[in-house]
Amino acid sequence: MTELMSLLYDYALETSFSSNLYTAKYRMQKIQAVQLEHSLRRALPPDVLPLLNDYISALDELQHLELEAMFQAAFSMAQDLG
């Protein structure tokens, strides 16, 4: 990403992204995901929890990269339209 795109991406994450994300469907899915994670943590033996934490961190990073890719695609499409 260029520096300008990075600034716009950060701004979008801090402002409009959050307000567009918190729909009823998102909230319900988030609640379910948190409940499932808690259930999984209780079911796993303690020596496996660091591996779970690493897995969750990898998923978080993957989601971040996917959001960046989506932003870049939208930015590119907006340039093509304008």
N, C-alpha and C. Protein backbone atom coordinates (compact mmCIF):
# COMPACT_ATOMS: atom_id res chain seq x y z
N MET A 1 0.84 -1.18 0.00
CA MET A 1 0.00 0.00 0.00
C MET A 1 0.89 1.24 0.00
N THR A 2 0.43 2.25 -0.70
CA THR A 2 1.16 3.51 -0.68
C THR A 2 0.92 4.19 0.66
N GLU A 3 1.69 5.23 0.94
CA GLU A 3 1.53 5.95 2.20
C GLU A 3 0.14 6.59 2.29
N LEU A 4 -0.35 7.15 1.18
CA LEU A 4 -1.68 7.75 1.17
C LEU A 4 -2.75 6.69 1.44
N MET A 5 -2.64 5.56 0.79
CA MET A 5 -3.61 4.49 1.01
C MET A 5 -3.57 4.01 2.45
N SER A 6 -2.39 3.92 3.01
CA SER A 6 -2.24 3.49 4.40
C SER A 6 -2.92 4.49 5.35
N LEU A 7 -2.74 5.78 5.09
CA LEU A 7 -3.39 6.80 5.92
C LEU A 7 -4.91 6.71 5.81
N LEU A 8 -5.41 6.55 4.58
CA LEU A 8 -6.85 6.44 4.37
C LEU A 8 -7.39 5.16 5.02
N TYR A 9 -6.65 4.09 4.91
CA TYR A 9 -7.06 2.82 5.52
C TYR A 9 -7.16 2.97 7.04
N ASP A 10 -6.14 3.54 7.65
CA ASP A 10 -6.16 3.74 9.10
C ASP A 10 -7.33 4.63 9.51
N TYR A 11 -7.56 5.69 8.73
CA TYR A 11 -8.66 6.60 9.03
C TYR A 11 -10.00 5.87 8.94
N ALA A 12 -10.17 5.08 7.89
CA ALA A 12 -11.42 4.32 7.72
C ALA A 12 -11.63 3.35 8.87
N LEU A 13 -10.56 2.69 9.31
CA LEU A 13 -10.68 1.75 10.44
C LEU A 13 -11.10 2.47 11.71
N GLU A 14 -10.56 3.67 11.90
CA GLU A 14 -10.83 4.41 13.14
C GLU A 14 -12.19 5.10 13.14
N THR A 15 -12.76 5.34 11.98
CA THR A 15 -14.00 6.11 11.92
C THR A 15 -15.15 5.30 11.34
N SER A 16 -15.30 5.32 10.05
CA SER A 16 -16.50 4.75 9.43
C SER A 16 -16.58 3.24 9.48
N PHE A 17 -15.48 2.54 9.55
CA PHE A 17 -15.51 1.08 9.56
C PHE A 17 -16.31 0.55 10.73
N SER A 18 -16.01 1.03 11.91
CA SER A 18 -16.68 0.54 13.12
C SER A 18 -18.18 0.80 13.07
N SER A 19 -18.57 1.98 12.63
CA SER A 19 -20.00 2.29 12.62
C SER A 19 -20.75 1.45 11.60
N ASN A 20 -20.10 1.00 10.55
CA ASN A 20 -20.75 0.15 9.56
C ASN A 20 -20.68 -1.33 9.92
N LEU A 21 -19.85 -1.68 10.86
CA LEU A 21 -19.65 -3.08 11.20
C LEU A 21 -20.65 -3.59 12.22
N TYR A 22 -21.04 -2.78 13.15
CA TYR A 22 -21.82 -3.25 14.28
C TYR A 22 -23.31 -3.33 13.97
N THR A 23 -23.65 -4.28 13.14
CA THR A 23 -25.04 -4.58 12.84
C THR A 23 -25.52 -5.65 13.82
N ALA A 24 -26.82 -5.89 13.82
CA ALA A 24 -27.37 -6.93 14.70
C ALA A 24 -26.78 -8.29 14.34
N LYS A 25 -26.65 -8.55 13.05
CA LYS A 25 -26.09 -9.83 12.61
C LYS A 25 -24.64 -9.98 13.08
N TYR A 26 -23.86 -8.90 12.99
CA TYR A 26 -22.47 -8.96 13.44
C TYR A 26 -22.40 -9.20 14.94
N ARG A 27 -23.21 -8.48 15.70
CA ARG A 27 -23.19 -8.64 17.16
C ARG A 27 -23.52 -10.07 17.56
N MET A 28 -24.51 -10.66 16.91
CA MET A 28 -24.88 -12.04 17.23
C MET A 28 -23.75 -13.01 16.89
N GLN A 29 -23.12 -12.80 15.75
CA GLN A 29 -22.01 -13.67 15.35
C GLN A 29 -20.83 -13.50 16.30
N LYS A 30 -20.57 -12.27 16.72
CA LYS A 30 -19.47 -12.00 17.65
C LYS A 30 -19.73 -12.69 18.99
N ILE A 31 -20.95 -12.60 19.49
CA ILE A 31 -21.31 -13.26 20.75
C ILE A 31 -21.10 -14.76 20.63
N GLN A 32 -21.55 -15.34 19.53
CA GLN A 32 -21.41 -16.78 19.33
C GLN A 32 -19.93 -17.17 19.27
N ALA A 33 -19.12 -16.38 18.57
CA ALA A 33 -17.69 -16.69 18.45
C ALA A 33 -17.01 -16.64 19.82
N VAL A 34 -17.34 -15.64 20.62
CA VAL A 34 -16.75 -15.51 21.96
C VAL A 34 -17.18 -16.69 22.84
N GLN A 35 -18.44 -17.06 22.77
CA GLN A 35 -18.93 -18.20 23.56
C GLN A 35 -18.23 -19.50 23.15
N LEU A 36 -18.07 -19.69 21.85
CA LEU A 36 -17.39 -20.90 21.37
C LEU A 36 -15.92 -20.91 21.78
N GLU A 37 -15.29 -19.76 21.73
CA GLU A 37 -13.88 -19.70 22.17
C GLU A 37 -13.77 -20.05 23.65
N HIS A 38 -14.66 -19.52 24.47
CA HIS A 38 -14.62 -19.83 25.91
C HIS A 38 -14.86 -21.32 26.15
N SER A 39 -15.80 -21.89 25.42
CA SER A 39 -16.07 -23.33 25.56
C SER A 39 -14.84 -24.15 25.16
N LEU A 40 -14.21 -23.76 24.08
CA LEU A 40 -13.02 -24.47 23.62
C LEU A 40 -11.90 -24.35 24.64
N ARG A 41 -11.69 -23.17 25.20
CA ARG A 41 -10.63 -22.97 26.20
C ARG A 41 -10.87 -23.85 27.44
N ARG A 42 -12.13 -23.96 27.84
CA ARG A 42 -12.46 -24.80 29.02
C ARG A 42 -12.26 -26.28 28.71
N ALA A 43 -12.49 -26.67 27.46
CA ALA A 43 -12.41 -28.08 27.09
C ALA A 43 -10.98 -28.56 26.84
N LEU A 44 -10.09 -27.64 26.50
CA LEU A 44 -8.72 -28.03 26.17
C LEU A 44 -7.85 -28.16 27.41
N PRO A 45 -6.90 -29.06 27.38
CA PRO A 45 -5.95 -29.14 28.50
C PRO A 45 -5.05 -27.89 28.51
N PRO A 46 -4.61 -27.49 29.69
CA PRO A 46 -3.82 -26.26 29.81
C PRO A 46 -2.57 -26.21 28.94
N ASP A 47 -1.95 -27.36 28.69
CA ASP A 47 -0.71 -27.34 27.91
C ASP A 47 -0.95 -27.04 26.42
N VAL A 48 -2.21 -27.09 25.98
CA VAL A 48 -2.55 -26.83 24.58
C VAL A 48 -2.96 -25.37 24.37
N LEU A 49 -3.27 -24.65 25.43
CA LEU A 49 -3.74 -23.27 25.32
C LEU A 49 -2.77 -22.34 24.59
N PRO A 50 -1.46 -22.45 24.79
CA PRO A 50 -0.56 -21.59 24.00
C PRO A 50 -0.70 -21.81 22.49
N LEU A 51 -0.93 -23.04 22.09
CA LEU A 51 -1.14 -23.33 20.67
C LEU A 51 -2.44 -22.68 20.18
N LEU A 52 -3.48 -22.73 20.99
CA LEU A 52 -4.73 -22.06 20.64
C LEU A 52 -4.52 -20.57 20.52
N ASN A 53 -3.77 -19.98 21.45
CA ASN A 53 -3.49 -18.55 21.39
C ASN A 53 -2.74 -18.19 20.11
N ASP A 54 -1.77 -19.01 19.72
CA ASP A 54 -1.03 -18.78 18.48
C ASP A 54 -1.95 -18.87 17.27
N TYR A 55 -2.85 -19.83 17.29
CA TYR A 55 -3.81 -20.00 16.20
C TYR A 55 -4.72 -18.78 16.08
N ILE A 56 -5.24 -18.32 17.20
CA ILE A 56 -6.12 -17.15 17.20
C ILE A 56 -5.35 -15.92 16.70
N SER A 57 -4.11 -15.76 17.11
CA SER A 57 -3.29 -14.64 16.62
C SER A 57 -3.08 -14.70 15.12
N ALA A 58 -2.84 -15.92 14.60
CA ALA A 58 -2.67 -16.09 13.16
C ALA A 58 -3.95 -15.74 12.42
N LEU A 59 -5.10 -16.13 12.96
CA LEU A 59 -6.38 -15.79 12.34
C LEU A 59 -6.61 -14.28 12.36
N ASP A 60 -6.25 -13.63 13.47
CA ASP A 60 -6.39 -12.18 13.56
C ASP A 60 -5.54 -11.49 12.50
N GLU A 61 -4.31 -11.94 12.32
CA GLU A 61 -3.42 -11.35 11.32
C GLU A 61 -3.96 -11.60 9.92
N LEU A 62 -4.47 -12.78 9.67
CA LEU A 62 -5.07 -13.10 8.38
C LEU A 62 -6.25 -12.18 8.09
N GLN A 63 -7.09 -11.96 9.10
CA GLN A 63 -8.24 -11.07 8.93
C GLN A 63 -7.76 -9.65 8.62
N HIS A 64 -6.71 -9.20 9.29
CA HIS A 64 -6.16 -7.87 9.03
C HIS A 64 -5.68 -7.76 7.58
N LEU A 65 -4.98 -8.77 7.10
CA LEU A 65 -4.49 -8.75 5.72
C LEU A 65 -5.65 -8.78 4.72
N GLU A 66 -6.71 -9.53 5.04
CA GLU A 66 -7.88 -9.56 4.17
C GLU A 66 -8.57 -8.21 4.12
N LEU A 67 -8.65 -7.52 5.26
CA LEU A 67 -9.24 -6.18 5.29
C LEU A 67 -8.42 -5.21 4.45
N GLU A 68 -7.11 -5.30 4.54
CA GLU A 68 -6.25 -4.44 3.72
C GLU A 68 -6.47 -4.73 2.24
N ALA A 69 -6.56 -6.00 1.87
CA ALA A 69 -6.77 -6.36 0.48
C ALA A 69 -8.12 -5.84 -0.01
N MET A 70 -9.15 -5.94 0.81
CA MET A 70 -10.47 -5.44 0.45
C MET A 70 -10.42 -3.92 0.27
N PHE A 71 -9.73 -3.25 1.15
CA PHE A 71 -9.61 -1.79 1.04
C PHE A 71 -8.88 -1.43 -0.25
N GLN A 72 -7.80 -2.11 -0.54
CA GLN A 72 -7.04 -1.83 -1.77
C GLN A 72 -7.91 -2.05 -3.00
N ALA A 73 -8.70 -3.12 -3.00
CA ALA A 73 -9.58 -3.40 -4.13
C ALA A 73 -10.63 -2.30 -4.28
N ALA A 74 -11.23 -1.87 -3.17
CA ALA A 74 -12.23 -0.81 -3.22
C ALA A 74 -11.61 0.50 -3.67
N PHE A 75 -10.41 0.78 -3.20
CA PHE A 75 -9.70 2.01 -3.58
C PHE A 75 -9.44 2.00 -5.08
N SER A 76 -8.98 0.89 -5.57
CA SER A 76 -8.70 0.75 -7.00
C SER A 76 -9.98 0.91 -7.84
N MET A 77 -11.05 0.32 -7.38
CA MET A 77 -12.32 0.44 -8.10
C MET A 77 -12.80 1.89 -8.10
N ALA A 78 -12.65 2.58 -6.97
CA ALA A 78 -13.05 3.98 -6.88
C ALA A 78 -12.23 4.84 -7.85
N GLN A 79 -10.95 4.55 -7.96
CA GLN A 79 -10.10 5.28 -8.92
C GLN A 79 -10.57 5.04 -10.34
N ASP A 80 -10.94 3.82 -10.67
CA ASP A 80 -11.42 3.49 -12.01
C ASP A 80 -12.74 4.22 -12.32
N LEU A 81 -13.57 4.41 -11.34
CA LEU A 81 -14.86 5.07 -11.55
C LEU A 81 -14.72 6.58 -11.67
N GLY A 82 -13.71 7.12 -11.01
CA GLY A 82 -13.63 8.57 -10.97
C GLY A 82 -12.58 9.13 -11.81
